[in-house]
Amino acid sequence: MVAPQAGLLPRAADRRIVLAVDSNWLRLDVPTSGDQLFCHIHGRGDRKTDQLVPGRPYSFVAALETGRTCWVALPDAVRFGSADDAIAVTAAQLRDVIEWLVQAR
């Protein structure tokens, strides 16, 4: 767990901790080496600058702040192995973050 102190996580206006999970968009049909896959990277401005780059898939958990500033913190990031089930790994990751938050109270 790479999480900062629970008290330092961004919070919604009502002081709740709001979590979101995201991962890079993988192209499993593209040949790569070992645990590397091709990840879709969104371009800036228009879709013409999108790229597919070799890399390793990750799942990120973010604590979100609501309002005008919208700060985020990443309490955890997990790298998937080539044989991992992304849904199962992400669900376990989210459970671990929630357990950490409960224990940190």
PDB file of N, CA and C in Angstrom:
ATOM      1  N   MET A   1       0.857  -1.171   0.000  1.00  0.00           N
ATOM      2  CA  MET A   1       0.000   0.000   0.000  1.00  0.00           C
ATOM      3  C   MET A   1       0.900   1.230   0.000  1.00  0.00           C
ATOM      4  N   VAL A   2       0.699   2.093  -0.957  1.00  0.00           N
ATOM      5  CA  VAL A   2       1.498   3.319  -1.063  1.00  0.00           C
ATOM      6  C   VAL A   2       0.733   4.527  -0.547  1.00  0.00           C
ATOM      7  N   ALA A   3      -0.276   4.278   0.257  1.00  0.00           N
ATOM      8  CA  ALA A   3      -1.212   5.330   0.657  1.00  0.00           C
ATOM      9  C   ALA A   3      -0.600   6.364   1.587  1.00  0.00           C
ATOM     10  N   PRO A   4      -1.017   7.611   1.428  1.00  0.00           N
ATOM     11  CA  PRO A   4      -0.666   8.641   2.404  1.00  0.00           C
ATOM     12  C   PRO A   4      -1.520   8.448   3.654  1.00  0.00           C
ATOM     13  N   GLN A   5      -1.316   9.262   4.653  1.00  0.00           N
ATOM     14  CA  GLN A   5      -2.156   9.176   5.850  1.00  0.00           C
ATOM     15  C   GLN A   5      -3.611   9.402   5.464  1.00  0.00           C
ATOM     16  N   ALA A   6      -4.497   8.621   6.057  1.00  0.00           N
ATOM     17  CA  ALA A   6      -5.921   8.710   5.710  1.00  0.00           C
ATOM     18  C   ALA A   6      -6.472  10.110   5.926  1.00  0.00           C
ATOM     19  N   GLY A   7      -5.989  10.816   6.931  1.00  0.00           N
ATOM     20  CA  GLY A   7      -6.475  12.162   7.204  1.00  0.00           C
ATOM     21  C   GLY A   7      -6.088  13.170   6.146  1.00  0.00           C
ATOM     22  N   LEU A   8      -5.100  12.830   5.309  1.00  0.00           N
ATOM     23  CA  LEU A   8      -4.640  13.753   4.271  1.00  0.00           C
ATOM     24  C   LEU A   8      -5.292  13.510   2.915  1.00  0.00           C
ATOM     25  N   LEU A   9      -6.130  12.488   2.805  1.00  0.00           N
ATOM     26  CA  LEU A   9      -6.774  12.209   1.524  1.00  0.00           C
ATOM     27  C   LEU A   9      -7.796  13.287   1.198  1.00  0.00           C
ATOM     28  N   PRO A  10      -7.924  13.641  -0.097  1.00  0.00           N
ATOM     29  CA  PRO A  10      -8.965  14.596  -0.496  1.00  0.00           C
ATOM     30  C   PRO A  10     -10.340  14.055  -0.118  1.00  0.00           C
ATOM     31  N   ARG A  11     -11.251  14.958   0.159  1.00  0.00           N
ATOM     32  CA  ARG A  11     -12.607  14.568   0.559  1.00  0.00           C
ATOM     33  C   ARG A  11     -13.644  15.383  -0.203  1.00  0.00           C
ATOM     34  N   ALA A  12     -14.840  14.815  -0.264  1.00  0.00           N
ATOM     35  CA  ALA A  12     -15.975  15.528  -0.848  1.00  0.00           C
ATOM     36  C   ALA A  12     -16.379  16.651   0.103  1.00  0.00           C
ATOM     37  N   ALA A  13     -17.259  17.523  -0.352  1.00  0.00           N
ATOM     38  CA  ALA A  13     -17.696  18.671   0.450  1.00  0.00           C
ATOM     39  C   ALA A  13     -18.300  18.248   1.787  1.00  0.00           C
ATOM     40  N   ASP A  14     -18.920  17.069   1.838  1.00  0.00           N
ATOM     41  CA  ASP A  14     -19.525  16.586   3.089  1.00  0.00           C
ATOM     42  C   ASP A  14     -18.552  15.744   3.917  1.00  0.00           C
ATOM     43  N   ARG A  15     -17.244  15.785   3.586  1.00  0.00           N
ATOM     44  CA  ARG A  15     -16.146  15.127   4.306  1.00  0.00           C
ATOM     45  C   ARG A  15     -16.036  13.629   4.029  1.00  0.00           C
ATOM     46  N   ARG A  16     -16.843  13.081   3.129  1.00  0.00           N
ATOM     47  CA  ARG A  16     -16.706  11.668   2.758  1.00  0.00           C
ATOM     48  C   ARG A  16     -15.451  11.486   1.918  1.00  0.00           C
ATOM     49  N   ILE A  17     -14.855  10.298   2.003  1.00  0.00           N
ATOM     50  CA  ILE A  17     -13.774   9.931   1.092  1.00  0.00           C
ATOM     51  C   ILE A  17     -14.426   9.225  -0.089  1.00  0.00           C
ATOM     52  N   VAL A  18     -14.243   9.762  -1.282  1.00  0.00           N
ATOM     53  CA  VAL A  18     -14.825   9.211  -2.499  1.00  0.00           C
ATOM     54  C   VAL A  18     -13.701   8.536  -3.275  1.00  0.00           C
ATOM     55  N   LEU A  19     -13.863   7.232  -3.548  1.00  0.00           N
ATOM     56  CA  LEU A  19     -12.839   6.472  -4.257  1.00  0.00           C
ATOM     57  C   LEU A  19     -13.278   6.179  -5.685  1.00  0.00           C
ATOM     58  N   ALA A  20     -12.318   6.166  -6.590  1.00  0.00           N
ATOM     59  CA  ALA A  20     -12.544   5.777  -7.979  1.00  0.00           C
ATOM     60  C   ALA A  20     -11.421   4.833  -8.380  1.00  0.00           C
ATOM     61  N   VAL A  21     -11.713   3.922  -9.292  1.00  0.00           N
ATOM     62  CA  VAL A  21     -10.712   2.971  -9.778  1.00  0.00           C
ATOM     63  C   VAL A  21     -10.600   3.144 -11.283  1.00  0.00           C
ATOM     64  N   ASP A  22      -9.384   3.119 -11.781  1.00  0.00           N
ATOM     65  CA  ASP A  22      -9.164   3.222 -13.225  1.00  0.00           C
ATOM     66  C   ASP A  22      -7.964   2.367 -13.594  1.00  0.00           C
ATOM     67  N   SER A  23      -7.870   2.024 -14.858  1.00  0.00           N
ATOM     68  CA  SER A  23      -6.717   1.277 -15.364  1.00  0.00           C
ATOM     69  C   SER A  23      -6.464   1.718 -16.798  1.00  0.00           C
ATOM     70  N   ASN A  24      -5.259   1.406 -17.288  1.00  0.00           N
ATOM     71  CA  ASN A  24      -4.974   1.764 -18.672  1.00  0.00           C
ATOM     72  C   ASN A  24      -5.717   0.816 -19.609  1.00  0.00           C
ATOM     73  N   TRP A  25      -5.984   1.281 -20.798  1.00  0.00           N
ATOM     74  CA  TRP A  25      -6.761   0.538 -21.782  1.00  0.00           C
ATOM     75  C   TRP A  25      -5.791  -0.329 -22.573  1.00  0.00           C
ATOM     76  N   LEU A  26      -5.934  -1.647 -22.460  1.00  0.00           N
ATOM     77  CA  LEU A  26      -4.966  -2.563 -23.060  1.00  0.00           C
ATOM     78  C   LEU A  26      -5.441  -3.083 -24.404  1.00  0.00           C
ATOM     79  N   ARG A  27      -4.475  -3.304 -25.276  1.00  0.00           N
ATOM     80  CA  ARG A  27      -4.731  -3.935 -26.564  1.00  0.00           C
ATOM     81  C   ARG A  27      -4.179  -5.344 -26.491  1.00  0.00           C
ATOM     82  N   LEU A  28      -5.006  -6.299 -26.092  1.00  0.00           N
ATOM     83  CA  LEU A  28      -4.544  -7.669 -25.895  1.00  0.00           C
ATOM     84  C   LEU A  28      -4.257  -8.394 -27.203  1.00  0.00           C
ATOM     85  N   ASP A  29      -4.718  -7.855 -28.309  1.00  0.00           N
ATOM     86  CA  ASP A  29      -4.517  -8.507 -29.595  1.00  0.00           C
ATOM     87  C   ASP A  29      -3.174  -8.148 -30.228  1.00  0.00           C
ATOM     88  N   VAL A  30      -2.395  -7.290 -29.614  1.00  0.00           N
ATOM     89  CA  VAL A  30      -1.123  -6.844 -30.177  1.00  0.00           C
ATOM     90  C   VAL A  30       0.002  -7.693 -29.597  1.00  0.00           C
ATOM     91  N   PRO A  31       0.870  -8.267 -30.454  1.00  0.00           N
ATOM     92  CA  PRO A  31       1.955  -9.092 -29.929  1.00  0.00           C
ATOM     93  C   PRO A  31       2.991  -8.253 -29.174  1.00  0.00           C
ATOM     94  N   THR A  32       3.381  -8.738 -28.009  1.00  0.00           N
ATOM     95  CA  THR A  32       4.382  -8.066 -27.183  1.00  0.00           C
ATOM     96  C   THR A  32       5.255  -9.120 -26.534  1.00  0.00           C
ATOM     97  N   SER A  33       6.183  -8.692 -25.701  1.00  0.00           N
ATOM     98  CA  SER A  33       7.079  -9.641 -25.054  1.00  0.00           C
ATOM     99  C   SER A  33       6.759  -9.781 -23.571  1.00  0.00           C
ATOM    100  N   GLY A  34       6.824 -10.995 -23.068  1.00  0.00           N
ATOM    101  CA  GLY A  34       6.656 -11.262 -21.646  1.00  0.00           C
ATOM    102  C   GLY A  34       5.381 -10.684 -21.076  1.00  0.00           C
ATOM    103  N   ASP A  35       5.510  -9.963 -19.971  1.00  0.00           N
ATOM    104  CA  ASP A  35       4.355  -9.351 -19.317  1.00  0.00           C
ATOM    105  C   ASP A  35       3.969  -8.019 -19.932  1.00  0.00           C
ATOM    106  N   GLN A  36       4.678  -7.593 -20.971  1.00  0.00           N
ATOM    107  CA  GLN A  36       4.337  -6.310 -21.575  1.00  0.00           C
ATOM    108  C   GLN A  36       3.171  -6.467 -22.533  1.00  0.00           C
ATOM    109  N   LEU A  37       2.331  -5.465 -22.522  1.00  0.00           N
ATOM    110  CA  LEU A  37       1.199  -5.381 -23.431  1.00  0.00           C
ATOM    111  C   LEU A  37       1.230  -3.996 -24.049  1.00  0.00           C
ATOM    112  N   PHE A  38       0.381  -3.743 -25.014  1.00  0.00           N
ATOM    113  CA  PHE A  38       0.280  -2.391 -25.547  1.00  0.00           C
ATOM    114  C   PHE A  38      -0.837  -1.657 -24.826  1.00  0.00           C
ATOM    115  N   CYS A  39      -0.548  -0.470 -24.345  1.00  0.00           N
ATOM    116  CA  CYS A  39      -1.506   0.350 -23.610  1.00  0.00           C
ATOM    117  C   CYS A  39      -1.925   1.528 -24.477  1.00  0.00           C
ATOM    118  N   HIS A  40      -3.215   1.812 -24.483  1.00  0.00           N
ATOM    119  CA  HIS A  40      -3.745   2.943 -25.242  1.00  0.00           C
ATOM    120  C   HIS A  40      -3.542   4.213 -24.435  1.00  0.00           C
ATOM    121  N   ILE A  41      -2.899   5.205 -25.019  1.00  0.00           N
ATOM    122  CA  ILE A  41      -2.648   6.488 -24.370  1.00  0.00           C
ATOM    123  C   ILE A  41      -3.429   7.556 -25.128  1.00  0.00           C
ATOM    124  N   HIS A  42      -4.335   8.245 -24.427  1.00  0.00           N
ATOM    125  CA  HIS A  42      -5.122   9.307 -25.064  1.00  0.00           C
ATOM    126  C   HIS A  42      -4.231  10.498 -25.372  1.00  0.00           C
ATOM    127  N   GLY A  43      -4.377  11.042 -26.577  1.00  0.00           N
ATOM    128  CA  GLY A  43      -3.626  12.229 -26.958  1.00  0.00           C
ATOM    129  C   GLY A  43      -4.218  13.489 -26.362  1.00  0.00           C
ATOM    130  N   ARG A  44      -3.468  14.540 -26.428  1.00  0.00           N
ATOM    131  CA  ARG A  44      -3.959  15.828 -25.924  1.00  0.00           C
ATOM    132  C   ARG A  44      -4.589  16.600 -27.082  1.00  0.00           C
ATOM    133  N   GLY A  45      -5.771  17.114 -26.858  1.00  0.00           N
ATOM    134  CA  GLY A  45      -6.415  17.934 -27.877  1.00  0.00           C
ATOM    135  C   GLY A  45      -7.345  17.150 -28.775  1.00  0.00           C
ATOM    136  N   ASP A  46      -6.817  16.260 -29.588  1.00  0.00           N
ATOM    137  CA  ASP A  46      -7.683  15.501 -30.481  1.00  0.00           C
ATOM    138  C   ASP A  46      -7.269  14.036 -30.486  1.00  0.00           C
ATOM    139  N   ARG A  47      -8.104  13.199 -31.079  1.00  0.00           N
ATOM    140  CA  ARG A  47      -7.867  11.755 -31.081  1.00  0.00           C
ATOM    141  C   ARG A  47      -6.758  11.353 -32.042  1.00  0.00           C
ATOM    142  N   LYS A  48      -6.308  12.257 -32.915  1.00  0.00           N
ATOM    143  CA  LYS A  48      -5.244  11.930 -33.866  1.00  0.00           C
ATOM    144  C   LYS A  48      -3.909  11.695 -33.176  1.00  0.00           C
ATOM    145  N   THR A  49      -3.762  12.205 -31.957  1.00  0.00           N
ATOM    146  CA  THR A  49      -2.489  12.065 -31.251  1.00  0.00           C
ATOM    147  C   THR A  49      -2.496  10.907 -30.255  1.00  0.00           C
ATOM    148  N   ASP A  50      -3.552  10.069 -30.260  1.00  0.00           N
ATOM    149  CA  ASP A  50      -3.564   8.874 -29.412  1.00  0.00           C
ATOM    150  C   ASP A  50      -2.394   7.972 -29.798  1.00  0.00           C
ATOM    151  N   GLN A  51      -1.901   7.206 -28.837  1.00  0.00           N
ATOM    152  CA  GLN A  51      -0.771   6.317 -29.095  1.00  0.00           C
ATOM    153  C   GLN A  51      -1.010   4.954 -28.460  1.00  0.00           C
ATOM    154  N   LEU A  52      -0.370   3.935 -28.999  1.00  0.00           N
ATOM    155  CA  LEU A  52      -0.282   2.626 -28.370  1.00  0.00           C
ATOM    156  C   LEU A  52       1.177   2.438 -27.997  1.00  0.00           C
ATOM    157  N   VAL A  53       1.450   2.287 -26.727  1.00  0.00           N
ATOM    158  CA  VAL A  53       2.832   2.152 -26.276  1.00  0.00           C
ATOM    159  C   VAL A  53       2.984   0.851 -25.500  1.00  0.00           C
ATOM    160  N   PRO A  54       4.147   0.198 -25.620  1.00  0.00           N
ATOM    161  CA  PRO A  54       4.353  -1.003 -24.826  1.00  0.00           C
ATOM    162  C   PRO A  54       4.458  -0.639 -23.352  1.00  0.00           C
ATOM    163  N   GLY A  55       3.890  -1.448 -22.527  1.00  0.00           N
ATOM    164  CA  GLY A  55       3.952  -1.183 -21.099  1.00  0.00           C
ATOM    165  C   GLY A  55       3.298  -2.287 -20.301  1.00  0.00           C
ATOM    166  N   ARG A  56       3.193  -2.063 -19.035  1.00  0.00           N
ATOM    167  CA  ARG A  56       2.574  -3.031 -18.142  1.00  0.00           C
ATOM    168  C   ARG A  56       1.273  -2.444 -17.596  1.00  0.00           C
ATOM    169  N   PRO A  57       0.225  -3.262 -17.544  1.00  0.00           N
ATOM    170  CA  PRO A  57      -1.062  -2.757 -17.081  1.00  0.00           C
ATOM    171  C   PRO A  57      -1.077  -2.520 -15.576  1.00  0.00           C
ATOM    172  N   TYR A  58      -1.699  -1.439 -15.175  1.00  0.00           N
ATOM    173  CA  TYR A  58      -1.842  -1.061 -13.770  1.00  0.00           C
ATOM    174  C   TYR A  58      -3.298  -0.780 -13.464  1.00  0.00           C
ATOM    175  N   SER A  59      -3.644  -0.902 -12.203  1.00  0.00           N
ATOM    176  CA  SER A  59      -4.930  -0.445 -11.691  1.00  0.00           C
ATOM    177  C   SER A  59      -4.642   0.596 -10.626  1.00  0.00           C
ATOM    178  N   PHE A  60      -5.323   1.728 -10.706  1.00  0.00           N
ATOM    179  CA  PHE A  60      -5.129   2.831  -9.772  1.00  0.00           C
ATOM    180  C   PHE A  60      -6.394   3.053  -8.961  1.00  0.00           C
ATOM    181  N   VAL A  61      -6.244   3.272  -7.662  1.00  0.00           N
ATOM    182  CA  VAL A  61      -7.352   3.724  -6.823  1.00  0.00           C
ATOM    183  C   VAL A  61      -7.071   5.181  -6.503  1.00  0.00           C
ATOM    184  N   ALA A  62      -8.051   6.039  -6.740  1.00  0.00           N
ATOM    185  CA  ALA A  62      -7.889   7.473  -6.480  1.00  0.00           C
ATOM    186  C   ALA A  62      -8.925   7.929  -5.463  1.00  0.00           C
ATOM    187  N   ALA A  63      -8.492   8.783  -4.545  1.00  0.00           N
ATOM    188  CA  ALA A  63      -9.414   9.472  -3.634  1.00  0.00           C
ATOM    189  C   ALA A  63      -9.695  10.829  -4.263  1.00  0.00           C
ATOM    190  N   LEU A  64     -10.968  11.152  -4.444  1.00  0.00           N
ATOM    191  CA  LEU A  64     -11.365  12.343  -5.190  1.00  0.00           C
ATOM    192  C   LEU A  64     -11.905  13.434  -4.283  1.00  0.00           C
ATOM    193  N   GLU A  65     -11.623  14.656  -4.650  1.00  0.00           N
ATOM    194  CA  GLU A  65     -12.212  15.814  -3.984  1.00  0.00           C
ATOM    195  C   GLU A  65     -13.248  16.407  -4.932  1.00  0.00           C
ATOM    196  N   THR A  66     -14.357  16.856  -4.395  1.00  0.00           N
ATOM    197  CA  THR A  66     -15.354  17.521  -5.236  1.00  0.00           C
ATOM    198  C   THR A  66     -15.147  19.025  -5.142  1.00  0.00           C
ATOM    199  N   GLY A  67     -15.760  19.733  -6.037  1.00  0.00           N
ATOM    200  CA  GLY A  67     -15.667  21.187  -5.990  1.00  0.00           C
ATOM    201  C   GLY A  67     -14.790  21.742  -7.093  1.00  0.00           C
ATOM    202  N   ARG A  68     -14.408  22.992  -6.939  1.00  0.00           N
ATOM    203  CA  ARG A  68     -13.695  23.700  -8.005  1.00  0.00           C
ATOM    204  C   ARG A  68     -12.267  23.222  -8.192  1.00  0.00           C
ATOM    205  N   THR A  69     -11.602  22.767  -7.152  1.00  0.00           N
ATOM    206  CA  THR A  69     -10.197  22.391  -7.306  1.00  0.00           C
ATOM    207  C   THR A  69     -10.014  20.952  -7.747  1.00  0.00           C
ATOM    208  N   CYS A  70     -10.855  20.051  -7.292  1.00  0.00           N
ATOM    209  CA  CYS A  70     -10.840  18.640  -7.692  1.00  0.00           C
ATOM    210  C   CYS A  70      -9.474  17.972  -7.520  1.00  0.00           C
ATOM    211  N   TRP A  71      -8.880  18.089  -6.355  1.00  0.00           N
ATOM    212  CA  TRP A  71      -7.627  17.399  -6.067  1.00  0.00           C
ATOM    213  C   TRP A  71      -7.874  15.907  -5.975  1.00  0.00           C
ATOM    214  N   VAL A  72      -6.862  15.119  -6.308  1.00  0.00           N
ATOM    215  CA  VAL A  72      -6.928  13.667  -6.153  1.00  0.00           C
ATOM    216  C   VAL A  72      -5.657  13.189  -5.468  1.00  0.00           C
ATOM    217  N   ALA A  73      -5.734  12.023  -4.862  1.00  0.00           N
ATOM    218  CA  ALA A  73      -4.562  11.334  -4.320  1.00  0.00           C
ATOM    219  C   ALA A  73      -4.691   9.874  -4.726  1.00  0.00           C
ATOM    220  N   LEU A  74      -3.579   9.230  -4.988  1.00  0.00           N
ATOM    221  CA  LEU A  74      -3.591   7.818  -5.362  1.00  0.00           C
ATOM    222  C   LEU A  74      -3.118   6.985  -4.172  1.00  0.00           C
ATOM    223  N   PRO A  75      -4.056   6.463  -3.373  1.00  0.00           N
ATOM    224  CA  PRO A  75      -3.632   5.669  -2.232  1.00  0.00           C
ATOM    225  C   PRO A  75      -3.048   4.316  -2.610  1.00  0.00           C
ATOM    226  N   ASP A  76      -3.294   3.834  -3.836  1.00  0.00           N
ATOM    227  CA  ASP A  76      -2.740   2.534  -4.211  1.00  0.00           C
ATOM    228  C   ASP A  76      -2.684   2.386  -5.729  1.00  0.00           C
ATOM    229  N   ALA A  77      -1.688   1.638  -6.178  1.00  0.00           N
ATOM    230  CA  ALA A  77      -1.548   1.256  -7.584  1.00  0.00           C
ATOM    231  C   ALA A  77      -1.020  -0.174  -7.615  1.00  0.00           C
ATOM    232  N   VAL A  78      -1.585  -0.998  -8.488  1.00  0.00           N
ATOM    233  CA  VAL A  78      -1.198  -2.402  -8.588  1.00  0.00           C
ATOM    234  C   VAL A  78      -0.873  -2.713 -10.041  1.00  0.00           C
ATOM    235  N   ARG A  79       0.234  -3.415 -10.258  1.00  0.00           N
ATOM    236  CA  ARG A  79       0.572  -3.858 -11.616  1.00  0.00           C
ATOM    237  C   ARG A  79       0.022  -5.260 -11.822  1.00  0.00           C
ATOM    238  N   PHE A  80      -0.657  -5.466 -12.945  1.00  0.00           N
ATOM    239  CA  PHE A  80      -1.196  -6.778 -13.279  1.00  0.00           C
ATOM    240  C   PHE A  80      -0.118  -7.635 -13.920  1.00  0.00           C
ATOM    241  N   GLY A  81      -0.174  -8.931 -13.663  1.00  0.00           N
ATOM    242  CA  GLY A  81       0.628  -9.889 -14.407  1.00  0.00           C
ATOM    243  C   GLY A  81      -0.145 -10.331 -15.633  1.00  0.00           C
ATOM    244  N   SER A  82       0.520 -10.980 -16.565  1.00  0.00           N
ATOM    245  CA  SER A  82      -0.143 -11.357 -17.819  1.00  0.00           C
ATOM    246  C   SER A  82      -1.275 -12.356 -17.595  1.00  0.00           C
ATOM    247  N   ALA A  83      -1.216 -13.153 -16.532  1.00  0.00           N
ATOM    248  CA  ALA A  83      -2.253 -14.152 -16.274  1.00  0.00           C
ATOM    249  C   ALA A  83      -3.308 -13.668 -15.285  1.00  0.00           C
ATOM    250  N   ASP A  84      -3.174 -12.449 -14.767  1.00  0.00           N
ATOM    251  CA  ASP A  84      -4.110 -11.943 -13.760  1.00  0.00           C
ATOM    252  C   ASP A  84      -5.472 -11.618 -14.357  1.00  0.00           C
ATOM    253  N   ASP A  85      -6.506 -11.850 -13.569  1.00  0.00           N
ATOM    254  CA  ASP A  85      -7.861 -11.431 -13.910  1.00  0.00           C
ATOM    255  C   ASP A  85      -8.010  -9.997 -13.401  1.00  0.00           C
ATOM    256  N   ALA A  86      -8.108  -9.041 -14.306  1.00  0.00           N
ATOM    257  CA  ALA A  86      -8.122  -7.623 -13.933  1.00  0.00           C
ATOM    258  C   ALA A  86      -9.257  -7.292 -12.971  1.00  0.00           C
ATOM    259  N   ILE A  87     -10.419  -7.893 -13.159  1.00  0.00           N
ATOM    260  CA  ILE A  87     -11.554  -7.604 -12.282  1.00  0.00           C
ATOM    261  C   ILE A  87     -11.288  -8.125 -10.877  1.00  0.00           C
ATOM    262  N   ALA A  88     -10.777  -9.346 -10.764  1.00  0.00           N
ATOM    263  CA  ALA A  88     -10.503  -9.927  -9.446  1.00  0.00           C
ATOM    264  C   ALA A  88      -9.403  -9.155  -8.719  1.00  0.00           C
ATOM    265  N   VAL A  89      -8.342  -8.797  -9.432  1.00  0.00           N
ATOM    266  CA  VAL A  89      -7.241  -8.057  -8.813  1.00  0.00           C
ATOM    267  C   VAL A  89      -7.714  -6.680  -8.361  1.00  0.00           C
ATOM    268  N   THR A  90      -8.487  -6.000  -9.200  1.00  0.00           N
ATOM    269  CA  THR A  90      -8.979  -4.665  -8.856  1.00  0.00           C
ATOM    270  C   THR A  90      -9.940  -4.717  -7.672  1.00  0.00           C
ATOM    271  N   ALA A  91     -10.802  -5.728  -7.629  1.00  0.00           N
ATOM    272  CA  ALA A  91     -11.728  -5.873  -6.497  1.00  0.00           C
ATOM    273  C   ALA A  91     -10.953  -6.093  -5.199  1.00  0.00           C
ATOM    274  N   ALA A  92      -9.933  -6.953  -5.235  1.00  0.00           N
ATOM    275  CA  ALA A  92      -9.106  -7.191  -4.045  1.00  0.00           C
ATOM    276  C   ALA A  92      -8.365  -5.916  -3.647  1.00  0.00           C
ATOM    277  N   GLN A  93      -7.883  -5.185  -4.637  1.00  0.00           N
ATOM    278  CA  GLN A  93      -7.178  -3.928  -4.372  1.00  0.00           C
ATOM    279  C   GLN A  93      -8.097  -2.930  -3.668  1.00  0.00           C
ATOM    280  N   LEU A  94      -9.314  -2.789  -4.153  1.00  0.00           N
ATOM    281  CA  LEU A  94     -10.262  -1.851  -3.549  1.00  0.00           C
ATOM    282  C   LEU A  94     -10.632  -2.279  -2.129  1.00  0.00           C
ATOM    283  N   ARG A  95     -10.820  -3.598  -1.928  1.00  0.00           N
ATOM    284  CA  ARG A  95     -11.085  -4.094  -0.569  1.00  0.00           C
ATOM    285  C   ARG A  95      -9.925  -3.756   0.365  1.00  0.00           C
ATOM    286  N   ASP A  96      -8.678  -3.917  -0.103  1.00  0.00           N
ATOM    287  CA  ASP A  96      -7.501  -3.603   0.716  1.00  0.00           C
ATOM    288  C   ASP A  96      -7.460  -2.122   1.089  1.00  0.00           C
ATOM    289  N   VAL A  97      -7.771  -1.248   0.132  1.00  0.00           N
ATOM    290  CA  VAL A  97      -7.760   0.192   0.413  1.00  0.00           C
ATOM    291  C   VAL A  97      -8.836   0.539   1.442  1.00  0.00           C
ATOM    292  N   ILE A  98     -10.032  -0.030   1.288  1.00  0.00           N
ATOM    293  CA  ILE A  98     -11.110   0.248   2.241  1.00  0.00           C
ATOM    294  C   ILE A  98     -10.741  -0.278   3.626  1.00  0.00           C
ATOM    295  N   GLU A  99     -10.162  -1.474   3.685  1.00  0.00           N
ATOM    296  CA  GLU A  99      -9.727  -2.020   4.977  1.00  0.00           C
ATOM    297  C   GLU A  99      -8.674  -1.111   5.614  1.00  0.00           C
ATOM    298  N   TRP A 100      -7.740  -0.624   4.811  1.00  0.00           N
ATOM    299  CA  TRP A 100      -6.710   0.293   5.314  1.00  0.00           C
ATOM    300  C   TRP A 100      -7.346   1.570   5.866  1.00  0.00           C
ATOM    301  N   LEU A 101      -8.348   2.102   5.156  1.00  0.00           N
ATOM    302  CA  LEU A 101      -9.025   3.318   5.618  1.00  0.00           C
ATOM    303  C   LEU A 101      -9.751   3.093   6.945  1.00  0.00           C
ATOM    304  N   VAL A 102     -10.406   1.944   7.076  1.00  0.00           N
ATOM    305  CA  VAL A 102     -11.120   1.633   8.318  1.00  0.00           C
ATOM    306  C   VAL A 102     -10.128   1.522   9.476  1.00  0.00           C
ATOM    307  N   GLN A 103      -9.004   0.849   9.252  1.00  0.00           N
ATOM    308  CA  GLN A 103      -8.001   0.688  10.311  1.00  0.00           C
ATOM    309  C   GLN A 103      -7.306   2.003  10.648  1.00  0.00           C
ATOM    310  N   ALA A 104      -7.215   2.914   9.685  1.00  0.00           N
ATOM    311  CA  ALA A 104      -6.513   4.183   9.900  1.00  0.00           C
ATOM    312  C   ALA A 104      -7.368   5.202  10.649  1.00  0.00           C
ATOM    313  N   ARG A 105      -8.649   4.934  10.821  1.00  0.00           N
ATOM    314  CA  ARG A 105      -9.546   5.884  11.506  1.00  0.00           C
ATOM    315  C   ARG A 105      -9.178   6.085  12.936  1.00  0.00           C
TER     316      ARG A 105
END
